[in-house]
Amino acid sequence: MPFMTLWKEGDPLESEYSREVIRPEDGATIRRWSYSRFDLETSLEHTIDRYEIIKNGQVVQSEEHRQSPATRSYTQAEAVAIYEQAGFKDIQVLSEFTFEPVKPTDTLFSIIGFKP
């Protein structure tokens, strides 16, 4: 199962991201705007994503997706503890989606274990 550490000491609690590309078939601008807020007390991320199609300087189509909460953040130790509490044995923490051992700096990691 994949896990993520979404926030670490020194990171901002809120962030915004925007990107635009030109759609080749008609020259329309496609814009994605994203906002996220991390709640330290609950370790939950809340997000807003807006997608727009712009033609001749006018937004002709737009949709917005709000997820609250969107994602839960886990440290490597927290994720291992969840597996242990559920009775899993031979727990392995792996780097991202590989079979390589996790590094302490990995923020995306997978865990496998066996239940007797």
PDB file of N, CA and C in Angstrom:
ATOM      1  N   MET A   1       0.847  -1.173   0.000  1.00  0.00           N
ATOM      2  CA  MET A   1       0.000   0.000   0.000  1.00  0.00           C
ATOM      3  C   MET A   1       0.895   1.240   0.000  1.00  0.00           C
ATOM      4  N   PRO A   2       0.614   2.213  -0.851  1.00  0.00           N
ATOM      5  CA  PRO A   2       1.434   3.432  -0.888  1.00  0.00           C
ATOM      6  C   PRO A   2       1.057   4.413   0.223  1.00  0.00           C
ATOM      7  N   PHE A   3       2.066   5.101   0.719  1.00  0.00           N
ATOM      8  CA  PHE A   3       1.898   6.142   1.735  1.00  0.00           C
ATOM      9  C   PHE A   3       2.690   7.364   1.306  1.00  0.00           C
ATOM     10  N   MET A   4       2.329   8.521   1.857  1.00  0.00           N
ATOM     11  CA  MET A   4       3.056   9.756   1.570  1.00  0.00           C
ATOM     12  C   MET A   4       3.229  10.575   2.837  1.00  0.00           C
ATOM     13  N   THR A   5       4.381  11.222   2.926  1.00  0.00           N
ATOM     14  CA  THR A   5       4.582  12.255   3.929  1.00  0.00           C
ATOM     15  C   THR A   5       4.379  13.570   3.202  1.00  0.00           C
ATOM     16  N   LEU A   6       3.311  14.279   3.514  1.00  0.00           N
ATOM     17  CA  LEU A   6       2.937  15.480   2.767  1.00  0.00           C
ATOM     18  C   LEU A   6       3.569  16.755   3.301  1.00  0.00           C
ATOM     19  N   TRP A   7       3.997  16.725   4.544  1.00  0.00           N
ATOM     20  CA  TRP A   7       4.526  17.949   5.146  1.00  0.00           C
ATOM     21  C   TRP A   7       5.667  17.587   6.078  1.00  0.00           C
ATOM     22  N   LYS A   8       6.710  18.410   6.082  1.00  0.00           N
ATOM     23  CA  LYS A   8       7.788  18.262   7.060  1.00  0.00           C
ATOM     24  C   LYS A   8       8.146  19.638   7.590  1.00  0.00           C
ATOM     25  N   GLU A   9       8.766  19.641   8.749  1.00  0.00           N
ATOM     26  CA  GLU A   9       9.135  20.888   9.425  1.00  0.00           C
ATOM     27  C   GLU A   9       9.803  21.847   8.448  1.00  0.00           C
ATOM     28  N   GLY A  10       9.316  23.089   8.420  1.00  0.00           N
ATOM     29  CA  GLY A  10       9.867  24.108   7.532  1.00  0.00           C
ATOM     30  C   GLY A  10       9.081  24.295   6.243  1.00  0.00           C
ATOM     31  N   ASP A  11       8.257  23.307   5.866  1.00  0.00           N
ATOM     32  CA  ASP A  11       7.424  23.439   4.662  1.00  0.00           C
ATOM     33  C   ASP A  11       6.272  24.409   4.935  1.00  0.00           C
ATOM     34  N   PRO A  12       5.793  25.112   3.901  1.00  0.00           N
ATOM     35  CA  PRO A  12       4.601  25.954   4.104  1.00  0.00           C
ATOM     36  C   PRO A  12       3.369  25.074   4.328  1.00  0.00           C
ATOM     37  N   LEU A  13       2.403  25.600   5.057  1.00  0.00           N
ATOM     38  CA  LEU A  13       1.159  24.867   5.300  1.00  0.00           C
ATOM     39  C   LEU A  13       0.167  25.041   4.149  1.00  0.00           C
ATOM     40  N   GLU A  14       0.380  26.059   3.317  1.00  0.00           N
ATOM     41  CA  GLU A  14      -0.478  26.302   2.154  1.00  0.00           C
ATOM     42  C   GLU A  14       0.404  26.449   0.923  1.00  0.00           C
ATOM     43  N   SER A  15      -0.121  26.001  -0.223  1.00  0.00           N
ATOM     44  CA  SER A  15       0.622  26.190  -1.466  1.00  0.00           C
ATOM     45  C   SER A  15      -0.349  26.318  -2.632  1.00  0.00           C
ATOM     46  N   GLU A  16       0.119  26.999  -3.668  1.00  0.00           N
ATOM     47  CA  GLU A  16      -0.640  27.158  -4.910  1.00  0.00           C
ATOM     48  C   GLU A  16       0.252  26.763  -6.070  1.00  0.00           C
ATOM     49  N   TYR A  17      -0.392  26.283  -7.121  1.00  0.00           N
ATOM     50  CA  TYR A  17       0.323  25.860  -8.316  1.00  0.00           C
ATOM     51  C   TYR A  17      -0.547  26.201  -9.513  1.00  0.00           C
ATOM     52  N   SER A  18       0.059  26.684 -10.576  1.00  0.00           N
ATOM     53  CA  SER A  18      -0.691  26.998 -11.788  1.00  0.00           C
ATOM     54  C   SER A  18       0.147  26.616 -12.997  1.00  0.00           C
ATOM     55  N   ARG A  19      -0.517  26.090 -14.010  1.00  0.00           N
ATOM     56  CA  ARG A  19       0.178  25.729 -15.245  1.00  0.00           C
ATOM     57  C   ARG A  19      -0.773  25.917 -16.417  1.00  0.00           C
ATOM     58  N   GLU A  20      -0.224  26.382 -17.521  1.00  0.00           N
ATOM     59  CA  GLU A  20      -1.012  26.550 -18.743  1.00  0.00           C
ATOM     60  C   GLU A  20      -0.300  25.856 -19.893  1.00  0.00           C
ATOM     61  N   VAL A  21      -1.098  25.265 -20.780  1.00  0.00           N
ATOM     62  CA  VAL A  21      -0.580  24.685 -22.019  1.00  0.00           C
ATOM     63  C   VAL A  21      -1.532  25.070 -23.141  1.00  0.00           C
ATOM     64  N   ILE A  22      -1.023  25.064 -24.341  1.00  0.00           N
ATOM     65  CA  ILE A  22      -1.848  25.348 -25.524  1.00  0.00           C
ATOM     66  C   ILE A  22      -2.287  24.015 -26.134  1.00  0.00           C
ATOM     67  N   ARG A  23      -3.589  23.899 -26.352  1.00  0.00           N
ATOM     68  CA  ARG A  23      -4.128  22.690 -26.980  1.00  0.00           C
ATOM     69  C   ARG A  23      -3.876  22.777 -28.478  1.00  0.00           C
ATOM     70  N   PRO A  24      -3.110  21.840 -29.038  1.00  0.00           N
ATOM     71  CA  PRO A  24      -2.697  21.938 -30.445  1.00  0.00           C
ATOM     72  C   PRO A  24      -3.854  21.957 -31.449  1.00  0.00           C
ATOM     73  N   GLU A  25      -4.921  21.227 -31.187  1.00  0.00           N
ATOM     74  CA  GLU A  25      -5.979  21.111 -32.192  1.00  0.00           C
ATOM     75  C   GLU A  25      -6.765  22.397 -32.437  1.00  0.00           C
ATOM     76  N   ASP A  26      -6.846  23.286 -31.424  1.00  0.00           N
ATOM     77  CA  ASP A  26      -7.614  24.512 -31.659  1.00  0.00           C
ATOM     78  C   ASP A  26      -6.964  25.771 -31.079  1.00  0.00           C
ATOM     79  N   GLY A  27      -5.793  25.636 -30.475  1.00  0.00           N
ATOM     80  CA  GLY A  27      -5.089  26.795 -29.941  1.00  0.00           C
ATOM     81  C   GLY A  27      -5.628  27.314 -28.618  1.00  0.00           C
ATOM     82  N   ALA A  28      -6.606  26.618 -28.038  1.00  0.00           N
ATOM     83  CA  ALA A  28      -7.154  27.042 -26.745  1.00  0.00           C
ATOM     84  C   ALA A  28      -6.092  26.866 -25.659  1.00  0.00           C
ATOM     85  N   THR A  29      -6.159  27.737 -24.661  1.00  0.00           N
ATOM     86  CA  THR A  29      -5.282  27.609 -23.507  1.00  0.00           C
ATOM     87  C   THR A  29      -5.988  26.754 -22.457  1.00  0.00           C
ATOM     88  N   ILE A  30      -5.285  25.757 -21.959  1.00  0.00           N
ATOM     89  CA  ILE A  30      -5.811  24.909 -20.898  1.00  0.00           C
ATOM     90  C   ILE A  30      -5.039  25.280 -19.631  1.00  0.00           C
ATOM     91  N   ARG A  31      -5.775  25.687 -18.606  1.00  0.00           N
ATOM     92  CA  ARG A  31      -5.146  26.134 -17.357  1.00  0.00           C
ATOM     93  C   ARG A  31      -5.584  25.227 -16.208  1.00  0.00           C
ATOM     94  N   ARG A  32      -4.593  24.850 -15.395  1.00  0.00           N
ATOM     95  CA  ARG A  32      -4.892  24.136 -14.155  1.00  0.00           C
ATOM     96  C   ARG A  32      -4.349  24.971 -13.009  1.00  0.00           C
ATOM     97  N   TRP A  33      -5.194  25.217 -12.022  1.00  0.00           N
ATOM     98  CA  TRP A  33      -4.796  25.918 -10.814  1.00  0.00           C
ATOM     99  C   TRP A  33      -5.105  25.000  -9.636  1.00  0.00           C
ATOM    100  N   SER A  34      -4.136  24.844  -8.738  1.00  0.00           N
ATOM    101  CA  SER A  34      -4.315  23.979  -7.576  1.00  0.00           C
ATOM    102  C   SER A  34      -3.927  24.716  -6.308  1.00  0.00           C
ATOM    103  N   TYR A  35      -4.667  24.444  -5.265  1.00  0.00           N
ATOM    104  CA  TYR A  35      -4.389  25.011  -3.949  1.00  0.00           C
ATOM    105  C   TYR A  35      -4.461  23.867  -2.949  1.00  0.00           C
ATOM    106  N   SER A  36      -3.531  23.846  -2.004  1.00  0.00           N
ATOM    107  CA  SER A  36      -3.613  22.843  -0.944  1.00  0.00           C
ATOM    108  C   SER A  36      -3.294  23.498   0.395  1.00  0.00           C
ATOM    109  N   ARG A  37      -3.940  22.960   1.426  1.00  0.00           N
ATOM    110  CA  ARG A  37      -3.720  23.419   2.797  1.00  0.00           C
ATOM    111  C   ARG A  37      -3.532  22.181   3.659  1.00  0.00           C
ATOM    112  N   PHE A  38      -2.458  22.185   4.449  1.00  0.00           N
ATOM    113  CA  PHE A  38      -2.170  21.056   5.324  1.00  0.00           C
ATOM    114  C   PHE A  38      -2.509  21.434   6.757  1.00  0.00           C
ATOM    115  N   ASP A  39      -3.250  20.564   7.430  1.00  0.00           N
ATOM    116  CA  ASP A  39      -3.656  20.777   8.820  1.00  0.00           C
ATOM    117  C   ASP A  39      -2.726  19.966   9.719  1.00  0.00           C
ATOM    118  N   LEU A  40      -1.895  20.659  10.491  1.00  0.00           N
ATOM    119  CA  LEU A  40      -0.921  19.985  11.356  1.00  0.00           C
ATOM    120  C   LEU A  40      -1.579  19.107  12.419  1.00  0.00           C
ATOM    121  N   GLU A  41      -2.723  19.527  12.939  1.00  0.00           N
ATOM    122  CA  GLU A  41      -3.379  18.777  14.013  1.00  0.00           C
ATOM    123  C   GLU A  41      -3.919  17.432  13.550  1.00  0.00           C
ATOM    124  N   THR A  42      -4.425  17.380  12.319  1.00  0.00           N
ATOM    125  CA  THR A  42      -5.056  16.153  11.828  1.00  0.00           C
ATOM    126  C   THR A  42      -4.203  15.403  10.807  1.00  0.00           C
ATOM    127  N   SER A  43      -3.137  16.015  10.328  1.00  0.00           N
ATOM    128  CA  SER A  43      -2.285  15.460   9.254  1.00  0.00           C
ATOM    129  C   SER A  43      -3.078  15.252   7.959  1.00  0.00           C
ATOM    130  N   LEU A  44      -4.100  16.074   7.761  1.00  0.00           N
ATOM    131  CA  LEU A  44      -4.923  15.973   6.553  1.00  0.00           C
ATOM    132  C   LEU A  44      -4.649  17.140   5.615  1.00  0.00           C
ATOM    133  N   GLU A  45      -4.653  16.836   4.322  1.00  0.00           N
ATOM    134  CA  GLU A  45      -4.496  17.857   3.286  1.00  0.00           C
ATOM    135  C   GLU A  45      -5.868  18.125   2.672  1.00  0.00           C
ATOM    136  N   HIS A  46      -6.169  19.398   2.453  1.00  0.00           N
ATOM    137  CA  HIS A  46      -7.417  19.820   1.827  1.00  0.00           C
ATOM    138  C   HIS A  46      -7.038  20.513   0.521  1.00  0.00           C
ATOM    139  N   THR A  47      -7.747  20.200  -0.568  1.00  0.00           N
ATOM    140  CA  THR A  47      -7.334  20.715  -1.877  1.00  0.00           C
ATOM    141  C   THR A  47      -8.492  21.311  -2.672  1.00  0.00           C
ATOM    142  N   ILE A  48      -8.115  22.238  -3.555  1.00  0.00           N
ATOM    143  CA  ILE A  48      -9.021  22.776  -4.578  1.00  0.00           C
ATOM    144  C   ILE A  48      -8.261  22.710  -5.898  1.00  0.00           C
ATOM    145  N   ASP A  49      -8.873  22.138  -6.910  1.00  0.00           N
ATOM    146  CA  ASP A  49      -8.295  22.096  -8.254  1.00  0.00           C
ATOM    147  C   ASP A  49      -9.291  22.693  -9.234  1.00  0.00           C
ATOM    148  N   ARG A  50      -8.825  23.661 -10.035  1.00  0.00           N
ATOM    149  CA  ARG A  50      -9.683  24.290 -11.033  1.00  0.00           C
ATOM    150  C   ARG A  50      -9.056  24.079 -12.411  1.00  0.00           C
ATOM    151  N   TYR A  51      -9.876  23.683 -13.349  1.00  0.00           N
ATOM    152  CA  TYR A  51      -9.458  23.466 -14.733  1.00  0.00           C
ATOM    153  C   TYR A  51     -10.264  24.406 -15.621  1.00  0.00           C
ATOM    154  N   GLU A  52      -9.570  25.117 -16.520  1.00  0.00           N
ATOM    155  CA  GLU A  52     -10.254  26.080 -17.389  1.00  0.00           C
ATOM    156  C   GLU A  52      -9.792  25.912 -18.824  1.00  0.00           C
ATOM    157  N   ILE A  53     -10.729  26.142 -19.742  1.00  0.00           N
ATOM    158  CA  ILE A  53     -10.417  26.241 -21.169  1.00  0.00           C
ATOM    159  C   ILE A  53     -10.649  27.694 -21.557  1.00  0.00           C
ATOM    160  N   ILE A  54      -9.623  28.300 -22.147  1.00  0.00           N
ATOM    161  CA  ILE A  54      -9.669  29.724 -22.487  1.00  0.00           C
ATOM    162  C   ILE A  54      -9.499  29.875 -23.987  1.00  0.00           C
ATOM    163  N   LYS A  55     -10.463  30.571 -24.617  1.00  0.00           N
ATOM    164  CA  LYS A  55     -10.395  30.872 -26.050  1.00  0.00           C
ATOM    165  C   LYS A  55     -10.582  32.375 -26.226  1.00  0.00           C
ATOM    166  N   ASN A  56      -9.710  32.968 -27.016  1.00  0.00           N
ATOM    167  CA  ASN A  56      -9.771  34.407 -27.280  1.00  0.00           C
ATOM    168  C   ASN A  56      -9.841  35.229 -25.987  1.00  0.00           C
ATOM    169  N   GLY A  57      -9.091  34.797 -24.974  1.00  0.00           N
ATOM    170  CA  GLY A  57      -9.030  35.542 -23.717  1.00  0.00           C
ATOM    171  C   GLY A  57     -10.214  35.335 -22.792  1.00  0.00           C
ATOM    172  N   GLN A  58     -11.182  34.508 -23.178  1.00  0.00           N
ATOM    173  CA  GLN A  58     -12.376  34.270 -22.359  1.00  0.00           C
ATOM    174  C   GLN A  58     -12.397  32.823 -21.862  1.00  0.00           C
ATOM    175  N   VAL A  59     -12.758  32.639 -20.597  1.00  0.00           N
ATOM    176  CA  VAL A  59     -12.939  31.295 -20.064  1.00  0.00           C
ATOM    177  C   VAL A  59     -14.245  30.745 -20.630  1.00  0.00           C
ATOM    178  N   VAL A  60     -14.154  29.679 -21.423  1.00  0.00           N
ATOM    179  CA  VAL A  60     -15.350  29.106 -22.047  1.00  0.00           C
ATOM    180  C   VAL A  60     -15.839  27.859 -21.322  1.00  0.00           C
ATOM    181  N   GLN A  61     -14.973  27.288 -20.512  1.00  0.00           N
ATOM    182  CA  GLN A  61     -15.394  26.136 -19.719  1.00  0.00           C
ATOM    183  C   GLN A  61     -14.518  26.070 -18.476  1.00  0.00           C
ATOM    184  N   SER A  62     -15.142  25.730 -17.351  1.00  0.00           N
ATOM    185  CA  SER A  62     -14.404  25.671 -16.098  1.00  0.00           C
ATOM    186  C   SER A  62     -15.039  24.619 -15.206  1.00  0.00           C
ATOM    187  N   GLU A  63     -14.200  23.914 -14.482  1.00  0.00           N
ATOM    188  CA  GLU A  63     -14.731  23.026 -13.456  1.00  0.00           C
ATOM    189  C   GLU A  63     -13.786  23.039 -12.265  1.00  0.00           C
ATOM    190  N   GLU A  64     -14.377  22.885 -11.086  1.00  0.00           N
ATOM    191  CA  GLU A  64     -13.605  22.965  -9.850  1.00  0.00           C
ATOM    192  C   GLU A  64     -13.901  21.744  -9.001  1.00  0.00           C
ATOM    193  N   HIS A  65     -12.842  21.209  -8.411  1.00  0.00           N
ATOM    194  CA  HIS A  65     -12.970  20.033  -7.558  1.00  0.00           C
ATOM    195  C   HIS A  65     -12.389  20.363  -6.189  1.00  0.00           C
ATOM    196  N   ARG A  66     -13.212  20.216  -5.147  1.00  0.00           N
ATOM    197  CA  ARG A  66     -12.765  20.438  -3.772  1.00  0.00           C
ATOM    198  C   ARG A  66     -12.776  19.094  -3.051  1.00  0.00           C
ATOM    199  N   GLN A  67     -11.684  18.819  -2.367  1.00  0.00           N
ATOM    200  CA  GLN A  67     -11.612  17.601  -1.567  1.00  0.00           C
ATOM    201  C   GLN A  67     -11.170  17.989  -0.159  1.00  0.00           C
ATOM    202  N   SER A  68     -12.022  17.675   0.798  1.00  0.00           N
ATOM    203  CA  SER A  68     -11.720  18.039   2.168  1.00  0.00           C
ATOM    204  C   SER A  68     -12.248  16.951   3.101  1.00  0.00           C
ATOM    205  N   PRO A  69     -11.396  16.067   3.529  1.00  0.00           N
ATOM    206  CA  PRO A  69      -9.965  16.012   3.265  1.00  0.00           C
ATOM    207  C   PRO A  69      -9.685  15.327   1.937  1.00  0.00           C
ATOM    208  N   ALA A  70      -8.501  15.586   1.420  1.00  0.00           N
ATOM    209  CA  ALA A  70      -8.071  14.954   0.173  1.00  0.00           C
ATOM    210  C   ALA A  70      -7.119  13.797   0.456  1.00  0.00           C
ATOM    211  N   THR A  71      -6.163  14.025   1.334  1.00  0.00           N
ATOM    212  CA  THR A  71      -5.111  13.046   1.572  1.00  0.00           C
ATOM    213  C   THR A  71      -4.688  13.077   3.032  1.00  0.00           C
ATOM    214  N   ARG A  72      -4.285  11.937   3.541  1.00  0.00           N
ATOM    215  CA  ARG A  72      -3.752  11.838   4.907  1.00  0.00           C
ATOM    216  C   ARG A  72      -2.255  11.613   4.811  1.00  0.00           C
ATOM    217  N   SER A  73      -1.501  12.332   5.600  1.00  0.00           N
ATOM    218  CA  SER A  73      -0.053  12.217   5.615  1.00  0.00           C
ATOM    219  C   SER A  73       0.385  11.248   6.707  1.00  0.00           C
ATOM    220  N   TYR A  74       1.358  10.408   6.382  1.00  0.00           N
ATOM    221  CA  TYR A  74       1.926   9.472   7.343  1.00  0.00           C
ATOM    222  C   TYR A  74       3.445   9.551   7.281  1.00  0.00           C
ATOM    223  N   THR A  75       4.078   9.521   8.438  1.00  0.00           N
ATOM    224  CA  THR A  75       5.519   9.314   8.451  1.00  0.00           C
ATOM    225  C   THR A  75       5.762   7.825   8.244  1.00  0.00           C
ATOM    226  N   GLN A  76       6.995   7.470   7.964  1.00  0.00           N
ATOM    227  CA  GLN A  76       7.319   6.050   7.802  1.00  0.00           C
ATOM    228  C   GLN A  76       7.019   5.283   9.088  1.00  0.00           C
ATOM    229  N   ALA A  77       7.350   5.870  10.225  1.00  0.00           N
ATOM    230  CA  ALA A  77       7.108   5.206  11.515  1.00  0.00           C
ATOM    231  C   ALA A  77       5.614   5.026  11.772  1.00  0.00           C
ATOM    232  N   GLU A  78       4.809   6.031  11.449  1.00  0.00           N
ATOM    233  CA  GLU A  78       3.356   5.918  11.649  1.00  0.00           C
ATOM    234  C   GLU A  78       2.767   4.807  10.779  1.00  0.00           C
ATOM    235  N   ALA A  79       3.212   4.728   9.537  1.00  0.00           N
ATOM    236  CA  ALA A  79       2.686   3.707   8.631  1.00  0.00           C
ATOM    237  C   ALA A  79       3.060   2.302   9.104  1.00  0.00           C
ATOM    238  N   VAL A  80       4.286   2.119   9.555  1.00  0.00           N
ATOM    239  CA  VAL A  80       4.710   0.815  10.078  1.00  0.00           C
ATOM    240  C   VAL A  80       3.881   0.457  11.308  1.00  0.00           C
ATOM    241  N   ALA A  81       3.629   1.423  12.183  1.00  0.00           N
ATOM    242  CA  ALA A  81       2.835   1.170  13.386  1.00  0.00           C
ATOM    243  C   ALA A  81       1.416   0.708  13.032  1.00  0.00           C
ATOM    244  N   ILE A  82       0.838   1.267  12.000  1.00  0.00           N
ATOM    245  CA  ILE A  82      -0.499   0.851  11.558  1.00  0.00           C
ATOM    246  C   ILE A  82      -0.483  -0.618  11.149  1.00  0.00           C
ATOM    247  N   TYR A  83       0.530  -1.006  10.394  1.00  0.00           N
ATOM    248  CA  TYR A  83       0.652  -2.404   9.965  1.00  0.00           C
ATOM    249  C   TYR A  83       0.854  -3.323  11.172  1.00  0.00           C
ATOM    250  N   GLU A  84       1.689  -2.907  12.103  1.00  0.00           N
ATOM    251  CA  GLU A  84       1.941  -3.728  13.292  1.00  0.00           C
ATOM    252  C   GLU A  84       0.669  -3.888  14.112  1.00  0.00           C
ATOM    253  N   GLN A  85      -0.075  -2.793  14.294  1.00  0.00           N
ATOM    254  CA  GLN A  85      -1.320  -2.848  15.066  1.00  0.00           C
ATOM    255  C   GLN A  85      -2.353  -3.753  14.411  1.00  0.00           C
ATOM    256  N   ALA A  86      -2.287  -3.865  13.088  1.00  0.00           N
ATOM    257  CA  ALA A  86      -3.229  -4.722  12.358  1.00  0.00           C
ATOM    258  C   ALA A  86      -2.770  -6.185  12.347  1.00  0.00           C
ATOM    259  N   GLY A  87      -1.614  -6.460  12.958  1.00  0.00           N
ATOM    260  CA  GLY A  87      -1.162  -7.849  13.061  1.00  0.00           C
ATOM    261  C   GLY A  87      -0.279  -8.331  11.932  1.00  0.00           C
ATOM    262  N   PHE A  88       0.231  -7.430  11.108  1.00  0.00           N
ATOM    263  CA  PHE A  88       1.121  -7.849  10.026  1.00  0.00           C
ATOM    264  C   PHE A  88       2.513  -8.144  10.560  1.00  0.00           C
ATOM    265  N   LYS A  89       3.188  -9.085   9.921  1.00  0.00           N
ATOM    266  CA  LYS A  89       4.554  -9.476  10.265  1.00  0.00           C
ATOM    267  C   LYS A  89       5.439  -9.316   9.034  1.00  0.00           C
ATOM    268  N   ASP A  90       6.739  -9.427   9.249  1.00  0.00           N
ATOM    269  CA  ASP A  90       7.714  -9.312   8.152  1.00  0.00           C
ATOM    270  C   ASP A  90       7.443  -8.056   7.315  1.00  0.00           C
ATOM    271  N   ILE A  91       7.255  -6.943   7.985  1.00  0.00           N
ATOM    272  CA  ILE A  91       6.917  -5.674   7.330  1.00  0.00           C
ATOM    273  C   ILE A  91       8.151  -5.117   6.635  1.00  0.00           C
ATOM    274  N   GLN A  92       7.975  -4.717   5.379  1.00  0.00           N
ATOM    275  CA  GLN A  92       9.042  -4.088   4.607  1.00  0.00           C
ATOM    276  C   GLN A  92       8.567  -2.715   4.140  1.00  0.00           C
ATOM    277  N   VAL A  93       9.420  -1.724   4.301  1.00  0.00           N
ATOM    278  CA  VAL A  93       9.132  -0.378   3.828  1.00  0.00           C
ATOM    279  C   VAL A  93      10.017  -0.155   2.609  1.00  0.00           C
ATOM    280  N   LEU A  94       9.386   0.199   1.479  1.00  0.00           N
ATOM    281  CA  LEU A  94      10.074   0.280   0.198  1.00  0.00           C
ATOM    282  C   LEU A  94      10.025   1.692  -0.371  1.00  0.00           C
ATOM    283  N   SER A  95      11.023   2.034  -1.147  1.00  0.00           N
ATOM    284  CA  SER A  95      11.124   3.356  -1.758  1.00  0.00           C
ATOM    285  C   SER A  95      10.137   3.494  -2.908  1.00  0.00           C
ATOM    286  N   GLU A  96       9.254   4.465  -2.791  1.00  0.00           N
ATOM    287  CA  GLU A  96       8.242   4.769  -3.809  1.00  0.00           C
ATOM    288  C   GLU A  96       7.499   3.505  -4.228  1.00  0.00           C
ATOM    289  N   PHE A  97       7.518   3.167  -5.532  1.00  0.00           N
ATOM    290  CA  PHE A  97       6.815   1.982  -6.025  1.00  0.00           C
ATOM    291  C   PHE A  97       7.819   0.951  -6.524  1.00  0.00           C
ATOM    292  N   THR A  98       8.961   0.868  -5.838  1.00  0.00           N
ATOM    293  CA  THR A  98      10.005  -0.075  -6.224  1.00  0.00           C
ATOM    294  C   THR A  98      10.140  -1.124  -5.131  1.00  0.00           C
ATOM    295  N   PHE A  99      11.057  -2.051  -5.324  1.00  0.00           N
ATOM    296  CA  PHE A  99      11.395  -3.015  -4.289  1.00  0.00           C
ATOM    297  C   PHE A  99      12.708  -2.646  -3.620  1.00  0.00           C
ATOM    298  N   GLU A 100      13.138  -1.401  -3.810  1.00  0.00           N
ATOM    299  CA  GLU A 100      14.344  -0.891  -3.163  1.00  0.00           C
ATOM    300  C   GLU A 100      14.006  -0.479  -1.730  1.00  0.00           C
ATOM    301  N   PRO A 101      14.928  -0.682  -0.791  1.00  0.00           N
ATOM    302  CA  PRO A 101      14.663  -0.257   0.586  1.00  0.00           C
ATOM    303  C   PRO A 101      14.401   1.247   0.651  1.00  0.00           C
ATOM    304  N   VAL A 102      13.522   1.635   1.551  1.00  0.00           N
ATOM    305  CA  VAL A 102      13.187   3.038   1.729  1.00  0.00           C
ATOM    306  C   VAL A 102      14.400   3.797   2.256  1.00  0.00           C
ATOM    307  N   LYS A 103      14.505   5.055   1.851  1.00  0.00           N
ATOM    308  CA  LYS A 103      15.527   5.948   2.393  1.00  0.00           C
ATOM    309  C   LYS A 103      14.842   6.860   3.414  1.00  0.00           C
ATOM    310  N   PRO A 104      15.556   7.302   4.434  1.00  0.00           N
ATOM    311  CA  PRO A 104      14.931   8.174   5.435  1.00  0.00           C
ATOM    312  C   PRO A 104      14.310   9.437   4.831  1.00  0.00           C
ATOM    313  N   THR A 105      14.829   9.884   3.678  1.00  0.00           N
ATOM    314  CA  THR A 105      14.330  11.108   3.049  1.00  0.00           C
ATOM    315  C   THR A 105      13.150  10.871   2.109  1.00  0.00           C
ATOM    316  N   ASP A 106      12.781   9.615   1.852  1.00  0.00           N
ATOM    317  CA  ASP A 106      11.659   9.325   0.946  1.00  0.00           C
ATOM    318  C   ASP A 106      10.350   9.834   1.537  1.00  0.00           C
ATOM    319  N   THR A 107       9.612  10.602   0.747  1.00  0.00           N
ATOM    320  CA  THR A 107       8.295  11.057   1.180  1.00  0.00           C
ATOM    321  C   THR A 107       7.181  10.219   0.556  1.00  0.00           C
ATOM    322  N   LEU A 108       7.504   9.425  -0.451  1.00  0.00           N
ATOM    323  CA  LEU A 108       6.570   8.476  -1.045  1.00  0.00           C
ATOM    324  C   LEU A 108       7.162   7.092  -0.828  1.00  0.00           C
ATOM    325  N   PHE A 109       6.390   6.227  -0.194  1.00  0.00           N
ATOM    326  CA  PHE A 109       6.901   4.901   0.122  1.00  0.00           C
ATOM    327  C   PHE A 109       5.758   3.899   0.150  1.00  0.00           C
ATOM    328  N   SER A 110       6.115   2.640  -0.018  1.00  0.00           N
ATOM    329  CA  SER A 110       5.139   1.556   0.004  1.00  0.00           C
ATOM    330  C   SER A 110       5.500   0.585   1.128  1.00  0.00           C
ATOM    331  N   ILE A 111       4.480  -0.074   1.636  1.00  0.00           N
ATOM    332  CA  ILE A 111       4.697  -1.046   2.708  1.00  0.00           C
ATOM    333  C   ILE A 111       4.042  -2.360   2.311  1.00  0.00           C
ATOM    334  N   ILE A 112       4.780  -3.422   2.538  1.00  0.00           N
ATOM    335  CA  ILE A 112       4.188  -4.747   2.381  1.00  0.00           C
ATOM    336  C   ILE A 112       4.431  -5.520   3.679  1.00  0.00           C
ATOM    337  N   GLY A 113       3.542  -6.421   3.978  1.00  0.00           N
ATOM    338  CA  GLY A 113       3.675  -7.256   5.155  1.00  0.00           C
ATOM    339  C   GLY A 113       2.826  -8.488   4.970  1.00  0.00           C
ATOM    340  N   PHE A 114       2.987  -9.434   5.864  1.00  0.00           N
ATOM    341  CA  PHE A 114       2.257 -10.687   5.785  1.00  0.00           C
ATOM    342  C   PHE A 114       1.477 -10.885   7.065  1.00  0.00           C
ATOM    343  N   LYS A 115       0.262 -11.373   6.915  1.00  0.00           N
ATOM    344  CA  LYS A 115      -0.581 -11.613   8.080  1.00  0.00           C
ATOM    345  C   LYS A 115      -0.629 -13.123   8.316  1.00  0.00           C
ATOM    346  N   PRO A 116      -0.176 -13.546   9.505  1.00  0.00           N
ATOM    347  CA  PRO A 116      -0.172 -14.979   9.789  1.00  0.00           C
ATOM    348  C   PRO A 116      -1.579 -15.566   9.898  1.00  0.00           C
TER     349      PRO A 116
END
